[in-house]
Every structure is written in C-alpha cells, then in structure tokens.
C-alpha cells in the first residue's frame, strides 16, 4: 500500500509538542507511556513516574519546536496537515531499558550494546482513525533515511510476529513494514518477536 500524497514526515524537533500529544491522545496506553518504556532510569517504574513527568521528558528528548536542535528522538507524520503518527528512532544506547534488560535484541548475539552508531526504532504509533493507509511503511523508510543522514552505521527494529492489527496495538510495527524499508531479519529471539536490521 502506497502512502497518501498528502503525507509529510518531519523530525520531531520541527514539529510542535501539541501535535505530538494530539497523536498520543488524552488517554490510553500511548498517552500513559509518552514513549518512555525504554527510557526509565534503573530502579524507576511507571507507577513511580507520573505521566506529566514522562511527558516533560519526552518534550526534552524530542526538542519539539526547536528547529535548530542537534538531536531529536523521533519522527512525526502528518496527513493533510493533521498529525497522525509517531516513530521513535535514535541511537540505540538512548534506550536505556533496551540496552539493560530487554531480552529481545540480544538473544544469540554478542556485540557492543552501547555502540552509538547503531540506531533503533522502538515505537511506531498511529493516531486512532488513521491506520492501514501506508503511513507506517513511509515512516519506517523515513527512519532509515534519518539514521543514514545522521551518520548511523545500522538501524534495527523489533517487530511482533502477529497480525498487523495486533502489532499496531502494541506499537512495535510489523515485519512487512520494516522489510519494505530494507530491513532484514537477523534473529528470532522469541516465538513472537524478530530482530530486523539494515546496514547503512
């Protein structure tokens, strides 16, 4: 499925934080998470970090509204001017929980987990009412290009092996989404998760 012609994708720092929050909504898992699942410090839990604090952390990580920012933590997609989708993508070590405790990326592999030249996509979230329009594939391709432009040596993703609908709900994307962007499977650490990667 091709992305709509009216779709635009920009680094989050070139978007507004209000647009990003419109994608996450005022309730539900994305609103509660604020894309902090892999960002919590050792010893922190969601219960101990209020959503307002998580949102402020996301604001700082994205540098929304600061077009001159040297870094940002993702991409924002808009359709005909309406913000509709978010993709978390940045150097893999920025995801502290991914590096420290998550099993999926590391099963059967031995490499430097703190290598900043390897980037990762950890979340592909769509606003309610805008699914199945080809936007995820366009975002995955844009994530590859952003990583390449900013000097990454490789980009990884960790999609769920399940139906597209369930993968959308879990915000991790599908194998087909990342395959269309040039990533290939390099591991199957669990029955339901794959590790996909593209060398840049």
N, C-alpha and C. Protein backbone atom coordinates (compact mmCIF):
# COMPACT_ATOMS: atom_id res chain seq x y z
N UNK A 1 0.84 -1.19 0.00
CA UNK A 1 0.00 0.00 0.00
C UNK A 1 0.88 1.25 0.00
N UNK A 2 0.63 2.17 -0.92
CA UNK A 2 1.42 3.39 -1.01
C UNK A 2 0.90 4.43 -0.02
N UNK A 3 1.84 5.24 0.50
CA UNK A 3 1.44 6.29 1.42
C UNK A 3 0.66 7.36 0.68
N UNK A 4 -0.27 8.02 1.34
CA UNK A 4 -1.04 9.08 0.70
C UNK A 4 -0.14 10.23 0.26
N UNK A 5 -0.51 10.90 -0.85
CA UNK A 5 0.29 12.00 -1.36
C UNK A 5 0.35 13.17 -0.39
N UNK A 6 -0.68 13.33 0.42
CA UNK A 6 -0.74 14.47 1.35
C UNK A 6 0.05 14.23 2.63
N UNK A 7 0.81 13.13 2.68
CA UNK A 7 1.57 12.80 3.88
C UNK A 7 2.88 13.57 3.92
N UNK A 8 3.21 14.11 5.09
CA UNK A 8 4.52 14.73 5.31
C UNK A 8 5.12 14.13 6.57
N UNK A 9 6.44 13.92 6.54
CA UNK A 9 7.15 13.33 7.68
C UNK A 9 8.33 14.24 8.00
N UNK A 10 8.43 14.65 9.26
CA UNK A 10 9.50 15.56 9.67
C UNK A 10 10.10 15.09 10.99
N UNK A 11 11.36 15.45 11.26
CA UNK A 11 11.93 15.18 12.58
C UNK A 11 11.08 15.87 13.65
N UNK A 12 10.96 15.23 14.80
CA UNK A 12 10.06 15.73 15.84
C UNK A 12 10.42 17.15 16.29
N UNK A 13 11.70 17.51 16.24
CA UNK A 13 12.05 18.86 16.69
C UNK A 13 11.49 19.93 15.75
N UNK A 14 11.10 19.55 14.54
CA UNK A 14 10.50 20.51 13.61
C UNK A 14 8.98 20.55 13.74
N UNK A 15 8.44 19.70 14.61
CA UNK A 15 7.01 19.69 14.89
C UNK A 15 6.75 20.40 16.21
N UNK A 16 5.50 20.49 16.58
CA UNK A 16 5.17 21.06 17.89
C UNK A 16 4.86 19.94 18.87
N UNK A 17 5.05 20.22 20.13
CA UNK A 17 4.74 19.21 21.13
C UNK A 17 3.23 18.98 21.19
N UNK A 18 2.45 20.01 20.88
CA UNK A 18 1.00 19.87 20.85
C UNK A 18 0.58 18.87 19.77
N UNK A 19 1.24 18.91 18.61
CA UNK A 19 0.93 17.94 17.56
C UNK A 19 1.28 16.53 18.01
N UNK A 20 2.41 16.37 18.66
CA UNK A 20 2.80 15.05 19.14
C UNK A 20 1.80 14.52 20.16
N UNK A 21 1.36 15.39 21.06
CA UNK A 21 0.38 14.97 22.05
C UNK A 21 -0.98 14.66 21.43
N UNK A 22 -1.30 15.32 20.31
CA UNK A 22 -2.53 15.00 19.61
C UNK A 22 -2.49 13.58 19.07
N UNK A 23 -1.30 13.13 18.64
CA UNK A 23 -1.14 11.75 18.18
C UNK A 23 -1.34 10.78 19.34
N UNK A 24 -0.74 11.06 20.48
CA UNK A 24 -0.82 10.17 21.63
C UNK A 24 -2.20 10.16 22.28
N UNK A 25 -2.93 11.24 22.12
CA UNK A 25 -4.27 11.32 22.70
C UNK A 25 -4.28 11.67 24.17
N UNK A 26 -5.47 11.83 24.70
CA UNK A 26 -5.63 12.25 26.10
C UNK A 26 -5.78 11.09 27.06
N UNK A 27 -5.86 9.87 26.54
CA UNK A 27 -5.95 8.69 27.39
C UNK A 27 -5.43 7.49 26.63
N UNK A 28 -5.34 6.35 27.30
CA UNK A 28 -4.88 5.14 26.64
C UNK A 28 -3.39 4.90 26.84
N UNK A 29 -2.89 3.76 26.32
CA UNK A 29 -1.51 3.35 26.56
C UNK A 29 -0.46 4.34 26.07
N UNK A 30 -0.66 4.90 24.88
CA UNK A 30 0.34 5.83 24.33
C UNK A 30 0.43 7.09 25.19
N UNK A 31 -0.72 7.59 25.61
CA UNK A 31 -0.73 8.77 26.48
C UNK A 31 -0.01 8.48 27.80
N UNK A 32 -0.27 7.31 28.37
CA UNK A 32 0.38 6.97 29.64
C UNK A 32 1.88 6.75 29.47
N UNK A 33 2.26 6.13 28.36
CA UNK A 33 3.67 5.79 28.16
C UNK A 33 4.53 7.00 27.83
N UNK A 34 4.02 7.88 26.94
CA UNK A 34 4.80 9.02 26.46
C UNK A 34 6.16 8.57 25.90
N UNK A 35 6.15 7.39 25.33
CA UNK A 35 7.35 6.79 24.71
C UNK A 35 8.53 6.73 25.68
N UNK A 36 8.24 6.36 26.91
CA UNK A 36 9.28 6.27 27.94
C UNK A 36 9.55 4.84 28.39
N UNK A 37 8.95 3.86 27.74
CA UNK A 37 9.11 2.47 28.18
C UNK A 37 10.58 2.08 28.31
N UNK A 38 11.38 2.45 27.33
CA UNK A 38 12.80 2.07 27.35
C UNK A 38 13.70 3.19 27.85
N UNK A 39 13.08 4.25 28.40
CA UNK A 39 13.86 5.41 28.84
C UNK A 39 13.99 5.53 30.35
N UNK A 40 13.23 4.74 31.09
CA UNK A 40 13.27 4.87 32.55
C UNK A 40 14.66 4.53 33.09
N UNK A 41 15.06 5.24 34.11
CA UNK A 41 16.35 5.00 34.74
C UNK A 41 16.29 3.73 35.58
N UNK A 42 17.43 3.14 35.89
CA UNK A 42 17.43 1.95 36.75
C UNK A 42 16.68 2.23 38.05
N UNK A 43 15.79 1.32 38.41
CA UNK A 43 15.03 1.47 39.65
C UNK A 43 13.72 2.22 39.48
N UNK A 44 13.53 2.90 38.35
CA UNK A 44 12.27 3.61 38.13
C UNK A 44 11.21 2.66 37.60
N UNK A 45 9.96 3.00 37.89
CA UNK A 45 8.84 2.26 37.33
C UNK A 45 7.79 3.27 36.88
N UNK A 46 6.89 2.82 36.01
CA UNK A 46 5.84 3.73 35.55
C UNK A 46 5.02 4.25 36.73
N UNK A 47 4.80 3.38 37.71
CA UNK A 47 3.98 3.79 38.86
C UNK A 47 4.64 4.92 39.63
N UNK A 48 5.95 4.98 39.58
CA UNK A 48 6.67 5.99 40.36
C UNK A 48 6.94 7.27 39.57
N UNK A 49 6.67 7.25 38.27
CA UNK A 49 6.93 8.42 37.43
C UNK A 49 5.60 8.88 36.83
N UNK A 50 5.03 9.96 37.33
CA UNK A 50 3.73 10.42 36.83
C UNK A 50 3.77 10.72 35.33
N UNK A 51 2.63 10.59 34.68
CA UNK A 51 2.56 10.81 33.24
C UNK A 51 3.02 12.21 32.87
N UNK A 52 2.77 13.17 33.74
CA UNK A 52 3.21 14.54 33.44
C UNK A 52 4.73 14.64 33.38
N UNK A 53 5.39 13.88 34.24
CA UNK A 53 6.86 13.86 34.22
C UNK A 53 7.35 13.15 32.97
N UNK A 54 6.70 12.05 32.61
CA UNK A 54 7.09 11.34 31.38
C UNK A 54 6.91 12.23 30.16
N UNK A 55 5.82 13.00 30.14
CA UNK A 55 5.56 13.90 29.02
C UNK A 55 6.63 14.98 28.93
N UNK A 56 7.04 15.51 30.07
CA UNK A 56 8.08 16.53 30.05
C UNK A 56 9.41 15.96 29.58
N UNK A 57 9.69 14.73 29.97
CA UNK A 57 10.90 14.08 29.48
C UNK A 57 10.86 13.92 27.97
N UNK A 58 9.69 13.52 27.46
CA UNK A 58 9.55 13.38 26.01
C UNK A 58 9.74 14.72 25.31
N UNK A 59 9.20 15.78 25.89
CA UNK A 59 9.37 17.11 25.31
C UNK A 59 10.87 17.43 25.17
N UNK A 60 11.62 17.13 26.21
CA UNK A 60 13.06 17.40 26.17
C UNK A 60 13.78 16.50 25.16
N UNK A 61 13.39 15.23 25.12
CA UNK A 61 14.04 14.28 24.21
C UNK A 61 13.79 14.63 22.75
N UNK A 62 12.57 15.06 22.44
CA UNK A 62 12.23 15.39 21.05
C UNK A 62 12.73 16.77 20.66
N UNK A 63 12.90 17.67 21.62
CA UNK A 63 13.22 19.07 21.34
C UNK A 63 12.17 19.67 20.40
N UNK A 64 10.92 19.28 20.58
CA UNK A 64 9.85 19.80 19.73
C UNK A 64 9.86 21.32 19.72
N UNK A 65 9.69 21.88 18.54
CA UNK A 65 9.65 23.33 18.39
C UNK A 65 11.00 23.99 18.24
N UNK A 66 12.08 23.22 18.35
CA UNK A 66 13.43 23.78 18.22
C UNK A 66 14.05 23.27 16.91
N UNK A 67 13.82 24.00 15.83
CA UNK A 67 14.29 23.56 14.52
C UNK A 67 15.81 23.47 14.43
N UNK A 68 16.50 24.16 15.32
CA UNK A 68 17.96 24.14 15.30
C UNK A 68 18.56 23.07 16.18
N UNK A 69 17.73 22.24 16.81
CA UNK A 69 18.24 21.21 17.72
C UNK A 69 19.14 20.22 16.98
N UNK A 70 20.22 19.84 17.62
CA UNK A 70 21.17 18.90 17.01
C UNK A 70 20.65 17.47 17.02
N UNK A 71 19.77 17.16 17.97
CA UNK A 71 19.23 15.81 18.09
C UNK A 71 17.73 15.87 18.35
N UNK A 72 17.07 14.77 18.06
CA UNK A 72 15.67 14.57 18.40
C UNK A 72 15.46 13.08 18.55
N UNK A 73 14.32 12.68 19.08
CA UNK A 73 14.13 11.25 19.36
C UNK A 73 13.09 10.58 18.48
N UNK A 74 12.71 11.23 17.38
CA UNK A 74 11.74 10.56 16.53
C UNK A 74 11.27 11.40 15.36
N UNK A 75 10.24 10.88 14.71
CA UNK A 75 9.64 11.49 13.53
C UNK A 75 8.15 11.66 13.76
N UNK A 76 7.59 12.71 13.17
CA UNK A 76 6.15 12.96 13.24
C UNK A 76 5.61 12.99 11.82
N UNK A 77 4.53 12.24 11.58
CA UNK A 77 3.89 12.22 10.27
C UNK A 77 2.56 12.96 10.36
N UNK A 78 2.30 13.78 9.35
CA UNK A 78 1.03 14.49 9.26
C UNK A 78 0.37 14.17 7.94
N UNK A 79 -0.95 14.08 7.95
CA UNK A 79 -1.72 13.80 6.76
C UNK A 79 -2.65 14.98 6.52
N UNK A 80 -2.43 15.65 5.39
CA UNK A 80 -3.21 16.85 5.07
C UNK A 80 -3.19 17.84 6.23
N UNK A 81 -2.03 17.95 6.88
CA UNK A 81 -1.86 18.92 7.96
C UNK A 81 -2.22 18.43 9.34
N UNK A 82 -2.84 17.26 9.45
CA UNK A 82 -3.23 16.71 10.75
C UNK A 82 -2.18 15.73 11.23
N UNK A 83 -1.65 15.91 12.45
CA UNK A 83 -0.65 14.96 12.98
C UNK A 83 -1.28 13.60 13.21
N UNK A 84 -0.67 12.54 12.64
CA UNK A 84 -1.32 11.22 12.70
C UNK A 84 -0.45 10.09 13.22
N UNK A 85 0.88 10.24 13.15
CA UNK A 85 1.71 9.09 13.53
C UNK A 85 3.06 9.53 14.06
N UNK A 86 3.58 8.72 14.98
CA UNK A 86 4.87 8.95 15.63
C UNK A 86 5.75 7.73 15.43
N UNK A 87 7.05 7.98 15.24
CA UNK A 87 8.03 6.89 15.16
C UNK A 87 9.22 7.27 16.04
N UNK A 88 9.51 6.44 17.03
CA UNK A 88 10.68 6.67 17.90
C UNK A 88 11.90 6.07 17.23
N UNK A 89 12.89 6.91 16.92
CA UNK A 89 14.12 6.43 16.28
C UNK A 89 15.28 7.31 16.70
N UNK A 90 16.31 6.68 17.23
CA UNK A 90 17.52 7.40 17.64
C UNK A 90 18.60 6.37 17.96
N UNK A 91 19.81 6.81 18.32
CA UNK A 91 20.87 5.84 18.64
C UNK A 91 20.41 4.85 19.71
N UNK A 92 20.69 3.59 19.49
CA UNK A 92 20.21 2.52 20.38
C UNK A 92 20.56 2.74 21.85
N UNK A 93 21.75 3.26 22.20
CA UNK A 93 22.05 3.45 23.63
C UNK A 93 21.13 4.44 24.34
N UNK A 94 20.39 5.25 23.59
CA UNK A 94 19.46 6.19 24.22
C UNK A 94 18.32 5.45 24.91
N UNK A 95 18.06 4.22 24.48
CA UNK A 95 17.01 3.40 25.09
C UNK A 95 17.63 2.56 26.20
N UNK A 96 17.71 3.15 27.38
CA UNK A 96 18.44 2.51 28.48
C UNK A 96 17.86 1.15 28.84
N UNK A 97 16.54 1.04 28.86
CA UNK A 97 15.92 -0.24 29.20
C UNK A 97 16.18 -1.29 28.14
N UNK A 98 16.21 -0.90 26.90
CA UNK A 98 16.50 -1.82 25.80
C UNK A 98 17.90 -2.40 25.96
N UNK A 99 18.84 -1.53 26.30
CA UNK A 99 20.23 -1.95 26.45
C UNK A 99 20.43 -2.78 27.72
N UNK A 100 19.75 -2.41 28.81
CA UNK A 100 20.00 -3.05 30.09
C UNK A 100 19.26 -4.37 30.29
N UNK A 101 17.94 -4.38 30.01
CA UNK A 101 17.15 -5.50 30.49
C UNK A 101 16.32 -6.23 29.44
N UNK A 102 16.05 -5.63 28.31
CA UNK A 102 15.17 -6.30 27.37
C UNK A 102 15.89 -7.47 26.71
N UNK A 103 15.22 -8.61 26.66
CA UNK A 103 15.81 -9.83 26.12
C UNK A 103 15.88 -9.82 24.59
N UNK A 104 14.87 -9.26 23.95
CA UNK A 104 14.71 -9.42 22.50
C UNK A 104 15.93 -9.06 21.67
N UNK A 105 16.55 -7.90 21.82
CA UNK A 105 17.62 -7.58 20.88
C UNK A 105 18.88 -8.42 21.01
N UNK A 106 19.07 -9.07 22.14
CA UNK A 106 20.39 -9.62 22.43
C UNK A 106 20.50 -11.13 22.37
N UNK A 107 19.39 -11.82 22.34
CA UNK A 107 19.42 -13.28 22.34
C UNK A 107 20.24 -13.80 21.15
N UNK A 108 21.28 -14.59 21.45
CA UNK A 108 22.08 -15.17 20.39
C UNK A 108 23.06 -14.22 19.73
N UNK A 109 23.24 -13.04 20.29
CA UNK A 109 24.16 -12.07 19.69
C UNK A 109 25.16 -11.59 20.72
N UNK A 110 26.35 -11.28 20.26
CA UNK A 110 27.33 -10.64 21.13
C UNK A 110 27.88 -9.44 20.37
N UNK A 111 27.50 -8.27 20.82
CA UNK A 111 28.01 -7.04 20.23
C UNK A 111 27.94 -5.95 21.28
N UNK A 112 28.56 -4.85 21.00
CA UNK A 112 28.60 -3.74 21.94
C UNK A 112 27.22 -3.08 22.00
N UNK A 113 26.52 -3.30 23.09
CA UNK A 113 25.17 -2.75 23.24
C UNK A 113 25.18 -1.22 23.29
N UNK A 114 26.31 -0.62 23.63
CA UNK A 114 26.38 0.82 23.80
C UNK A 114 26.92 1.53 22.56
N UNK A 115 27.03 0.84 21.46
CA UNK A 115 27.56 1.43 20.23
C UNK A 115 26.58 2.48 19.69
N UNK A 116 26.93 3.78 19.73
CA UNK A 116 26.01 4.83 19.28
C UNK A 116 25.81 4.86 17.78
N UNK A 117 26.61 4.10 17.03
CA UNK A 117 26.46 4.06 15.58
C UNK A 117 25.30 3.17 15.14
N UNK A 118 24.78 2.36 16.07
CA UNK A 118 23.61 1.53 15.77
C UNK A 118 22.37 2.25 16.31
N UNK A 119 21.43 2.52 15.43
CA UNK A 119 20.19 3.18 15.80
C UNK A 119 19.08 2.14 15.91
N UNK A 120 17.98 2.52 16.57
CA UNK A 120 16.86 1.60 16.76
C UNK A 120 15.53 2.32 16.62
N UNK A 121 14.56 1.60 16.09
CA UNK A 121 13.16 2.04 16.09
C UNK A 121 12.45 1.20 17.16
N UNK A 122 11.90 1.86 18.16
CA UNK A 122 11.24 1.12 19.23
C UNK A 122 9.73 1.31 19.27
N UNK A 123 9.22 2.30 18.55
CA UNK A 123 7.78 2.56 18.59
C UNK A 123 7.33 3.15 17.26
N UNK A 124 6.23 2.61 16.75
CA UNK A 124 5.57 3.18 15.57
C UNK A 124 4.10 3.27 15.95
N UNK A 125 3.66 4.47 16.33
CA UNK A 125 2.32 4.62 16.88
C UNK A 125 1.44 5.46 15.96
N UNK A 126 0.24 4.98 15.73
CA UNK A 126 -0.71 5.70 14.87
C UNK A 126 -1.89 6.22 15.67
N UNK A 127 -2.28 7.43 15.35
CA UNK A 127 -3.45 8.04 15.97
C UNK A 127 -4.71 7.27 15.55
N UNK A 128 -5.64 7.13 16.46
CA UNK A 128 -6.89 6.43 16.16
C UNK A 128 -7.56 7.02 14.93
N UNK A 129 -8.00 6.13 14.02
CA UNK A 129 -8.70 6.57 12.82
C UNK A 129 -7.82 6.71 11.59
N UNK A 130 -6.50 6.45 11.75
CA UNK A 130 -5.59 6.65 10.62
C UNK A 130 -4.75 5.41 10.32
N UNK A 131 -5.24 4.24 10.64
CA UNK A 131 -4.49 3.02 10.37
C UNK A 131 -4.77 2.49 8.97
N UNK A 132 -3.87 1.60 8.52
CA UNK A 132 -4.00 0.91 7.24
C UNK A 132 -4.06 1.87 6.07
N UNK A 133 -3.19 2.86 6.10
CA UNK A 133 -3.12 3.84 5.00
C UNK A 133 -1.72 3.92 4.39
N UNK A 134 -0.84 3.00 4.75
CA UNK A 134 0.51 3.01 4.21
C UNK A 134 1.45 3.95 4.93
N UNK A 135 1.00 4.53 6.03
CA UNK A 135 1.82 5.53 6.73
C UNK A 135 2.98 4.88 7.47
N UNK A 136 2.76 3.69 8.03
CA UNK A 136 3.83 3.01 8.77
C UNK A 136 5.03 2.73 7.88
N UNK A 137 4.78 2.27 6.67
CA UNK A 137 5.88 1.97 5.75
C UNK A 137 6.64 3.22 5.38
N UNK A 138 5.92 4.30 5.16
CA UNK A 138 6.58 5.56 4.84
C UNK A 138 7.43 6.04 6.03
N UNK A 139 6.93 5.85 7.23
CA UNK A 139 7.68 6.25 8.43
C UNK A 139 8.92 5.39 8.62
N UNK A 140 8.80 4.09 8.39
CA UNK A 140 9.96 3.20 8.52
C UNK A 140 11.04 3.61 7.53
N UNK A 141 10.64 3.91 6.29
CA UNK A 141 11.61 4.35 5.29
C UNK A 141 12.24 5.68 5.70
N UNK A 142 11.45 6.58 6.27
CA UNK A 142 11.98 7.87 6.72
C UNK A 142 12.94 7.69 7.89
N UNK A 143 12.66 6.69 8.76
CA UNK A 143 13.57 6.41 9.87
C UNK A 143 14.93 5.95 9.37
N UNK A 144 14.92 5.10 8.34
CA UNK A 144 16.18 4.65 7.74
C UNK A 144 16.96 5.84 7.19
N UNK A 145 16.27 6.72 6.50
CA UNK A 145 16.95 7.88 5.92
C UNK A 145 17.48 8.83 6.98
N UNK A 146 16.70 9.05 8.05
CA UNK A 146 17.16 9.91 9.14
C UNK A 146 18.43 9.35 9.77
N UNK A 147 18.41 8.05 10.04
CA UNK A 147 19.59 7.41 10.64
C UNK A 147 20.79 7.53 9.71
N UNK A 148 20.59 7.29 8.43
CA UNK A 148 21.68 7.38 7.46
C UNK A 148 22.23 8.82 7.40
N UNK A 149 21.34 9.79 7.32
CA UNK A 149 21.77 11.19 7.23
C UNK A 149 22.55 11.64 8.46
N UNK A 150 22.24 11.03 9.60
CA UNK A 150 22.90 11.45 10.85
C UNK A 150 24.06 10.54 11.22
N UNK A 151 24.53 9.75 10.26
CA UNK A 151 25.78 9.03 10.45
C UNK A 151 25.69 7.65 11.05
N UNK A 152 24.49 7.07 11.14
CA UNK A 152 24.36 5.72 11.70
C UNK A 152 25.01 4.69 10.78
N UNK A 153 25.55 3.65 11.40
CA UNK A 153 26.12 2.53 10.64
C UNK A 153 25.08 1.47 10.37
N UNK A 154 24.03 1.41 11.20
CA UNK A 154 22.98 0.41 11.05
C UNK A 154 21.73 0.88 11.78
N UNK A 155 20.60 0.31 11.40
CA UNK A 155 19.32 0.60 12.07
C UNK A 155 18.63 -0.73 12.35
N UNK A 156 18.09 -0.85 13.57
CA UNK A 156 17.37 -2.07 13.95
C UNK A 156 15.93 -1.75 14.32
N UNK A 157 15.09 -2.80 14.24
CA UNK A 157 13.71 -2.73 14.72
C UNK A 157 13.36 -4.09 15.29
N UNK A 158 12.29 -4.14 16.10
CA UNK A 158 11.96 -5.36 16.84
C UNK A 158 10.46 -5.66 16.73
N UNK A 159 9.99 -5.97 15.51
CA UNK A 159 8.55 -6.15 15.30
C UNK A 159 7.99 -7.41 15.94
N UNK A 160 6.67 -7.38 16.12
CA UNK A 160 5.94 -8.51 16.66
C UNK A 160 5.52 -9.43 15.53
N UNK A 161 5.66 -10.74 15.74
CA UNK A 161 5.21 -11.73 14.76
C UNK A 161 3.76 -12.04 15.08
N UNK A 162 2.86 -11.32 14.46
CA UNK A 162 1.44 -11.47 14.74
C UNK A 162 0.68 -10.77 13.63
N UNK A 163 -0.61 -10.60 13.79
CA UNK A 163 -1.38 -9.90 12.78
C UNK A 163 -1.03 -8.42 12.80
N UNK A 164 -1.22 -7.77 11.67
CA UNK A 164 -0.92 -6.34 11.58
C UNK A 164 -1.70 -5.55 12.61
N UNK A 165 -2.96 -5.94 12.84
CA UNK A 165 -3.81 -5.21 13.79
C UNK A 165 -3.24 -5.27 15.20
N UNK A 166 -2.79 -6.46 15.61
CA UNK A 166 -2.22 -6.60 16.95
C UNK A 166 -0.90 -5.83 17.05
N UNK A 167 -0.07 -5.91 16.02
CA UNK A 167 1.20 -5.19 16.03
C UNK A 167 0.96 -3.69 16.14
N UNK A 168 -0.08 -3.20 15.46
CA UNK A 168 -0.42 -1.78 15.57
C UNK A 168 -0.77 -1.43 17.01
N UNK A 169 -1.56 -2.28 17.64
CA UNK A 169 -1.96 -2.02 19.03
C UNK A 169 -0.75 -1.98 19.95
N UNK A 170 0.26 -2.81 19.65
CA UNK A 170 1.44 -2.89 20.51
C UNK A 170 2.51 -1.88 20.13
N UNK A 171 2.31 -1.16 19.03
CA UNK A 171 3.18 -0.04 18.63
C UNK A 171 4.60 -0.45 18.26
N UNK A 172 4.79 -1.70 17.85
CA UNK A 172 6.15 -2.14 17.50
C UNK A 172 6.33 -2.35 16.00
N UNK A 173 5.25 -2.25 15.23
CA UNK A 173 5.34 -2.45 13.80
C UNK A 173 5.36 -3.91 13.40
N UNK A 174 5.28 -4.14 12.09
CA UNK A 174 5.26 -5.50 11.56
C UNK A 174 6.53 -5.78 10.76
N UNK A 175 6.78 -7.05 10.53
CA UNK A 175 7.91 -7.43 9.69
C UNK A 175 7.78 -6.81 8.31
N UNK A 176 6.58 -6.84 7.74
CA UNK A 176 6.37 -6.30 6.39
C UNK A 176 6.69 -4.82 6.33
N UNK A 177 6.33 -4.09 7.38
CA UNK A 177 6.61 -2.66 7.42
C UNK A 177 8.10 -2.39 7.31
N UNK A 178 8.89 -3.11 8.09
CA UNK A 178 10.34 -2.86 8.08
C UNK A 178 11.03 -3.49 6.88
N UNK A 179 10.51 -4.61 6.41
CA UNK A 179 11.09 -5.22 5.21
C UNK A 179 10.96 -4.28 4.02
N UNK A 180 9.83 -3.58 3.95
CA UNK A 180 9.62 -2.64 2.85
C UNK A 180 10.62 -1.48 2.91
N UNK A 181 11.18 -1.22 4.08
CA UNK A 181 12.17 -0.15 4.25
C UNK A 181 13.59 -0.67 4.11
N UNK A 182 13.75 -1.96 3.78
CA UNK A 182 15.07 -2.52 3.54
C UNK A 182 15.68 -3.30 4.67
N UNK A 183 14.97 -3.46 5.79
CA UNK A 183 15.49 -4.24 6.91
C UNK A 183 15.26 -5.73 6.66
N UNK A 184 16.17 -6.55 7.12
CA UNK A 184 16.02 -7.99 7.02
C UNK A 184 16.12 -8.62 8.40
N UNK A 185 15.50 -9.77 8.55
CA UNK A 185 15.51 -10.45 9.84
C UNK A 185 16.89 -11.02 10.12
N UNK A 186 17.42 -10.72 11.30
CA UNK A 186 18.72 -11.27 11.69
C UNK A 186 18.60 -12.17 12.91
N UNK A 187 17.40 -12.26 13.48
CA UNK A 187 17.22 -13.12 14.64
C UNK A 187 15.76 -13.27 14.99
N UNK A 188 15.44 -14.37 15.67
CA UNK A 188 14.09 -14.64 16.17
C UNK A 188 14.24 -15.08 17.61
N UNK A 189 14.49 -14.12 18.52
CA UNK A 189 14.81 -14.47 19.91
C UNK A 189 13.65 -15.10 20.68
N UNK A 190 12.42 -14.80 20.27
CA UNK A 190 11.26 -15.44 20.88
C UNK A 190 10.32 -15.84 19.76
N UNK A 191 9.31 -16.61 20.10
CA UNK A 191 8.35 -17.07 19.10
C UNK A 191 7.66 -15.88 18.44
N UNK A 192 7.44 -14.81 19.20
CA UNK A 192 6.63 -13.71 18.69
C UNK A 192 7.40 -12.44 18.37
N UNK A 193 8.72 -12.44 18.50
CA UNK A 193 9.47 -11.22 18.20
C UNK A 193 10.63 -11.52 17.26
N UNK A 194 10.88 -10.58 16.37
CA UNK A 194 12.01 -10.68 15.45
C UNK A 194 12.93 -9.49 15.67
N UNK A 195 14.19 -9.66 15.32
CA UNK A 195 15.14 -8.56 15.25
C UNK A 195 15.42 -8.34 13.77
N UNK A 196 15.19 -7.12 13.30
CA UNK A 196 15.46 -6.78 11.91
C UNK A 196 16.48 -5.66 11.84
N UNK A 197 17.27 -5.66 10.77
CA UNK A 197 18.38 -4.71 10.72
C UNK A 197 18.73 -4.38 9.27
N UNK A 198 19.22 -3.17 9.07
CA UNK A 198 19.77 -2.77 7.78
C UNK A 198 21.11 -2.08 8.04
N UNK A 199 22.11 -2.48 7.30
CA UNK A 199 23.41 -1.83 7.39
C UNK A 199 23.39 -0.57 6.52
N UNK A 200 23.89 0.50 7.04
CA UNK A 200 23.88 1.76 6.31
C UNK A 200 25.26 2.20 5.86
